[in-house]
N, C-alpha and C. Protein backbone atom coordinates (compact mmCIF):
# COMPACT_ATOMS: atom_id res chain seq x y z
N UNK A 1 -58.62 -44.23 32.32
CA UNK A 1 -59.63 -44.90 33.10
C UNK A 1 -60.07 -46.16 32.36
N UNK A 2 -60.18 -47.23 33.06
CA UNK A 2 -60.57 -48.51 32.47
C UNK A 2 -62.08 -48.65 32.56
N UNK A 3 -62.66 -49.03 31.42
CA UNK A 3 -64.11 -49.27 31.41
C UNK A 3 -64.39 -50.72 31.77
N UNK A 4 -65.47 -50.91 32.51
CA UNK A 4 -65.90 -52.25 32.88
C UNK A 4 -67.17 -52.58 32.12
N UNK A 5 -67.45 -53.85 31.99
CA UNK A 5 -68.68 -54.27 31.35
C UNK A 5 -69.85 -53.69 32.12
N UNK A 6 -70.80 -53.11 31.42
CA UNK A 6 -71.97 -52.52 32.06
C UNK A 6 -71.84 -51.03 32.27
N UNK A 7 -70.64 -50.46 32.05
CA UNK A 7 -70.49 -49.01 32.16
C UNK A 7 -71.33 -48.33 31.08
N UNK A 8 -71.85 -47.19 31.42
CA UNK A 8 -72.63 -46.43 30.45
C UNK A 8 -71.70 -45.83 29.41
N UNK A 9 -72.17 -45.79 28.20
CA UNK A 9 -71.40 -45.16 27.11
C UNK A 9 -71.53 -43.65 27.26
N UNK A 10 -70.43 -42.96 27.25
CA UNK A 10 -70.46 -41.50 27.37
C UNK A 10 -70.00 -40.89 26.06
N UNK A 11 -70.61 -39.76 25.68
CA UNK A 11 -70.20 -39.12 24.43
C UNK A 11 -68.80 -38.53 24.57
N UNK A 12 -68.13 -38.42 23.44
CA UNK A 12 -66.80 -37.82 23.46
C UNK A 12 -66.92 -36.32 23.67
N UNK A 13 -65.83 -35.69 24.06
CA UNK A 13 -65.83 -34.26 24.29
C UNK A 13 -66.20 -33.51 23.01
N UNK A 14 -65.69 -33.95 21.87
CA UNK A 14 -66.01 -33.26 20.62
C UNK A 14 -67.49 -33.37 20.28
N UNK A 15 -68.14 -34.45 20.68
CA UNK A 15 -69.57 -34.59 20.47
C UNK A 15 -70.34 -33.63 21.37
N UNK A 16 -69.88 -33.49 22.62
CA UNK A 16 -70.59 -32.65 23.56
C UNK A 16 -70.44 -31.16 23.25
N UNK A 17 -69.27 -30.73 22.82
CA UNK A 17 -69.06 -29.30 22.59
C UNK A 17 -69.16 -28.92 21.12
N UNK A 18 -69.46 -29.86 20.26
CA UNK A 18 -69.51 -29.61 18.82
C UNK A 18 -70.22 -28.33 18.40
N UNK A 19 -71.48 -28.09 18.83
CA UNK A 19 -72.19 -26.89 18.37
C UNK A 19 -71.84 -25.62 19.14
N UNK A 20 -71.12 -25.73 20.24
CA UNK A 20 -70.87 -24.56 21.10
C UNK A 20 -70.07 -23.46 20.39
N UNK A 21 -68.95 -23.75 19.74
CA UNK A 21 -68.18 -22.66 19.11
C UNK A 21 -68.98 -21.86 18.08
N UNK A 22 -69.78 -22.53 17.27
CA UNK A 22 -70.55 -21.83 16.24
C UNK A 22 -71.60 -20.92 16.88
N UNK A 23 -72.29 -21.39 17.91
CA UNK A 23 -73.30 -20.58 18.59
C UNK A 23 -72.64 -19.41 19.31
N UNK A 24 -71.51 -19.64 19.95
CA UNK A 24 -70.79 -18.57 20.62
C UNK A 24 -70.30 -17.52 19.63
N UNK A 25 -69.76 -17.97 18.51
CA UNK A 25 -69.29 -17.03 17.48
C UNK A 25 -70.44 -16.18 16.95
N UNK A 26 -71.59 -16.80 16.71
CA UNK A 26 -72.77 -16.08 16.23
C UNK A 26 -73.22 -15.04 17.25
N UNK A 27 -73.25 -15.43 18.53
CA UNK A 27 -73.66 -14.51 19.59
C UNK A 27 -72.70 -13.32 19.70
N UNK A 28 -71.41 -13.58 19.70
CA UNK A 28 -70.43 -12.50 19.81
C UNK A 28 -70.49 -11.56 18.61
N UNK A 29 -70.71 -12.11 17.43
CA UNK A 29 -70.81 -11.28 16.23
C UNK A 29 -72.05 -10.39 16.26
N UNK A 30 -73.08 -10.80 16.99
CA UNK A 30 -74.32 -10.03 17.03
C UNK A 30 -74.31 -8.92 18.08
N UNK A 31 -73.30 -8.87 18.94
CA UNK A 31 -73.30 -7.90 20.03
C UNK A 31 -73.34 -6.46 19.55
N UNK A 32 -72.65 -6.17 18.47
CA UNK A 32 -72.59 -4.78 17.99
C UNK A 32 -73.97 -4.26 17.59
N UNK A 33 -74.84 -5.13 17.11
CA UNK A 33 -76.18 -4.72 16.70
C UNK A 33 -77.24 -5.04 17.75
N UNK A 34 -76.84 -5.62 18.86
CA UNK A 34 -77.82 -6.03 19.87
C UNK A 34 -78.43 -4.82 20.56
N UNK A 35 -79.75 -4.86 20.79
CA UNK A 35 -80.37 -3.77 21.54
C UNK A 35 -79.92 -3.83 23.00
N UNK A 36 -79.82 -2.70 23.63
CA UNK A 36 -79.39 -2.69 25.03
C UNK A 36 -80.55 -2.96 25.98
N UNK A 37 -81.77 -2.94 25.47
CA UNK A 37 -82.96 -3.15 26.29
C UNK A 37 -83.34 -4.62 26.23
N UNK A 38 -83.59 -5.21 27.39
CA UNK A 38 -84.02 -6.61 27.43
C UNK A 38 -85.36 -6.79 26.74
N UNK A 39 -85.53 -7.90 26.06
CA UNK A 39 -86.77 -8.12 25.32
C UNK A 39 -87.55 -9.33 25.80
N UNK A 40 -87.18 -9.87 26.95
CA UNK A 40 -87.88 -11.06 27.46
C UNK A 40 -89.19 -10.68 28.11
N UNK A 41 -90.27 -11.28 27.62
CA UNK A 41 -91.59 -11.02 28.20
C UNK A 41 -91.84 -11.92 29.40
N UNK A 42 -92.98 -11.74 30.03
CA UNK A 42 -93.34 -12.48 31.24
C UNK A 42 -93.39 -13.99 30.98
N UNK A 43 -93.98 -14.40 29.87
CA UNK A 43 -94.08 -15.83 29.57
C UNK A 43 -92.70 -16.45 29.36
N UNK A 44 -91.82 -15.72 28.68
CA UNK A 44 -90.46 -16.20 28.44
C UNK A 44 -89.73 -16.37 29.77
N UNK A 45 -89.88 -15.39 30.66
CA UNK A 45 -89.22 -15.46 31.96
C UNK A 45 -89.77 -16.60 32.82
N UNK A 46 -91.08 -16.85 32.72
CA UNK A 46 -91.67 -17.98 33.44
C UNK A 46 -91.08 -19.30 32.96
N UNK A 47 -90.92 -19.41 31.64
CA UNK A 47 -90.36 -20.63 31.06
C UNK A 47 -88.93 -20.85 31.55
N UNK A 48 -88.16 -19.78 31.67
CA UNK A 48 -86.78 -19.90 32.13
C UNK A 48 -86.70 -20.27 33.61
N UNK A 49 -87.71 -19.91 34.38
CA UNK A 49 -87.71 -20.15 35.82
C UNK A 49 -88.04 -21.60 36.18
N UNK A 50 -88.46 -22.38 35.21
CA UNK A 50 -88.81 -23.78 35.48
C UNK A 50 -87.55 -24.57 35.84
N UNK A 51 -87.64 -25.44 36.84
CA UNK A 51 -86.46 -26.25 37.19
C UNK A 51 -86.14 -27.23 36.07
N UNK A 52 -84.89 -27.60 35.96
CA UNK A 52 -84.53 -28.58 34.92
C UNK A 52 -85.13 -29.94 35.24
N UNK A 53 -85.32 -30.74 34.23
CA UNK A 53 -85.87 -32.07 34.43
C UNK A 53 -84.84 -33.01 35.04
N UNK A 54 -85.30 -34.17 35.39
CA UNK A 54 -84.41 -35.18 35.98
C UNK A 54 -83.62 -35.95 34.93
N UNK A 55 -84.10 -35.94 33.70
CA UNK A 55 -83.45 -36.67 32.63
C UNK A 55 -82.46 -35.76 31.89
N UNK A 56 -81.44 -36.34 31.28
CA UNK A 56 -80.50 -35.54 30.49
C UNK A 56 -81.24 -34.82 29.36
N UNK A 57 -80.80 -33.62 29.06
CA UNK A 57 -81.44 -32.83 28.01
C UNK A 57 -80.56 -32.82 26.77
N UNK A 58 -81.19 -32.58 25.65
CA UNK A 58 -80.47 -32.46 24.39
C UNK A 58 -79.61 -31.19 24.43
N UNK A 59 -78.33 -31.31 24.06
CA UNK A 59 -77.42 -30.18 24.13
C UNK A 59 -77.87 -29.04 23.23
N UNK A 60 -78.31 -29.33 22.02
CA UNK A 60 -78.74 -28.26 21.11
C UNK A 60 -79.94 -27.50 21.68
N UNK A 61 -80.87 -28.21 22.30
CA UNK A 61 -82.04 -27.56 22.92
C UNK A 61 -81.59 -26.68 24.08
N UNK A 62 -80.69 -27.18 24.90
CA UNK A 62 -80.19 -26.40 26.03
C UNK A 62 -79.46 -25.16 25.55
N UNK A 63 -78.64 -25.29 24.52
CA UNK A 63 -77.92 -24.13 23.97
C UNK A 63 -78.88 -23.11 23.37
N UNK A 64 -79.97 -23.58 22.79
CA UNK A 64 -80.97 -22.67 22.25
C UNK A 64 -81.61 -21.86 23.37
N UNK A 65 -81.92 -22.51 24.49
CA UNK A 65 -82.50 -21.81 25.64
C UNK A 65 -81.53 -20.76 26.17
N UNK A 66 -80.25 -21.13 26.30
CA UNK A 66 -79.24 -20.19 26.79
C UNK A 66 -79.09 -19.02 25.82
N UNK A 67 -79.04 -19.31 24.52
CA UNK A 67 -78.91 -18.25 23.51
C UNK A 67 -80.12 -17.31 23.56
N UNK A 68 -81.31 -17.87 23.66
CA UNK A 68 -82.52 -17.05 23.72
C UNK A 68 -82.54 -16.18 24.98
N UNK A 69 -82.09 -16.75 26.09
CA UNK A 69 -82.05 -15.99 27.35
C UNK A 69 -81.03 -14.85 27.24
N UNK A 70 -79.88 -15.13 26.67
CA UNK A 70 -78.86 -14.09 26.50
C UNK A 70 -79.35 -13.00 25.56
N UNK A 71 -80.09 -13.37 24.54
CA UNK A 71 -80.61 -12.39 23.58
C UNK A 71 -81.69 -11.52 24.20
N UNK A 72 -82.40 -12.04 25.20
CA UNK A 72 -83.48 -11.29 25.83
C UNK A 72 -83.00 -10.45 27.01
N UNK A 73 -81.76 -10.63 27.40
CA UNK A 73 -81.23 -9.92 28.57
C UNK A 73 -80.82 -8.49 28.21
N UNK A 74 -80.63 -7.67 29.22
CA UNK A 74 -80.08 -6.34 29.01
C UNK A 74 -78.64 -6.54 28.57
N UNK A 75 -78.31 -6.06 27.39
CA UNK A 75 -77.00 -6.29 26.81
C UNK A 75 -76.02 -5.20 27.20
N UNK A 76 -75.08 -5.53 28.05
CA UNK A 76 -74.11 -4.54 28.52
C UNK A 76 -72.79 -4.62 27.77
N UNK A 77 -72.62 -5.62 26.92
CA UNK A 77 -71.35 -5.79 26.22
C UNK A 77 -71.29 -5.04 24.89
N UNK A 78 -72.42 -4.61 24.37
CA UNK A 78 -72.45 -3.94 23.08
C UNK A 78 -72.28 -2.44 23.21
N UNK A 79 -72.10 -1.75 22.09
CA UNK A 79 -71.86 -0.31 22.12
C UNK A 79 -73.09 0.54 22.44
N UNK A 80 -74.29 -0.05 22.46
CA UNK A 80 -75.50 0.73 22.69
C UNK A 80 -75.87 0.86 24.17
N UNK A 81 -75.09 0.26 25.03
CA UNK A 81 -75.39 0.29 26.47
C UNK A 81 -74.72 1.50 27.10
N UNK A 82 -75.51 2.27 27.82
CA UNK A 82 -74.98 3.40 28.56
C UNK A 82 -75.38 3.19 30.01
N UNK A 83 -74.44 2.79 30.82
CA UNK A 83 -74.71 2.49 32.22
C UNK A 83 -74.90 3.73 33.05
N UNK A 84 -75.74 3.63 34.04
CA UNK A 84 -75.96 4.73 34.97
C UNK A 84 -74.89 4.67 36.05
N UNK A 85 -74.21 5.75 36.27
CA UNK A 85 -73.20 5.83 37.31
C UNK A 85 -73.73 6.78 38.37
N UNK A 86 -74.10 6.24 39.54
CA UNK A 86 -74.66 7.11 40.60
C UNK A 86 -73.60 8.05 41.14
N UNK A 87 -74.08 9.21 41.55
CA UNK A 87 -73.18 10.19 42.14
C UNK A 87 -73.69 11.59 41.91
N UNK A 88 -73.09 12.52 42.56
CA UNK A 88 -73.52 13.91 42.44
C UNK A 88 -73.07 14.48 41.11
N UNK A 89 -73.95 15.26 40.50
CA UNK A 89 -73.60 15.93 39.24
C UNK A 89 -72.66 17.08 39.54
N UNK A 90 -71.71 17.27 38.68
CA UNK A 90 -70.74 18.37 38.90
C UNK A 90 -71.17 19.59 38.13
C-alpha cells in the first residue's frame, strides 16, 4: 500500500501485539491455580459494562482490563471446575 502525504502514522504490528504474548502466557500459566468461582464484585462489573470511549485506548490498559475480567470470571479451563450436567440420577 502506498502512503500519501497527510496519511496518519500507524503503529507496526509488533508494536501493537508486543505485550500480548507475555500476558497470555501469564494467564495460561495461572489456570491450574485459578479459583473456579468468579470473584468480580458489583462495582467491577459496573466498570466493565461501560461503553468504550470514542478515542483510541492504550493497549496495555485495555489488556489489563481484559486480564482482570478473565481473572474475575468463572474459570472453566482449570482443574478446579466441576460442571453441572443436568439429567436424571442413575
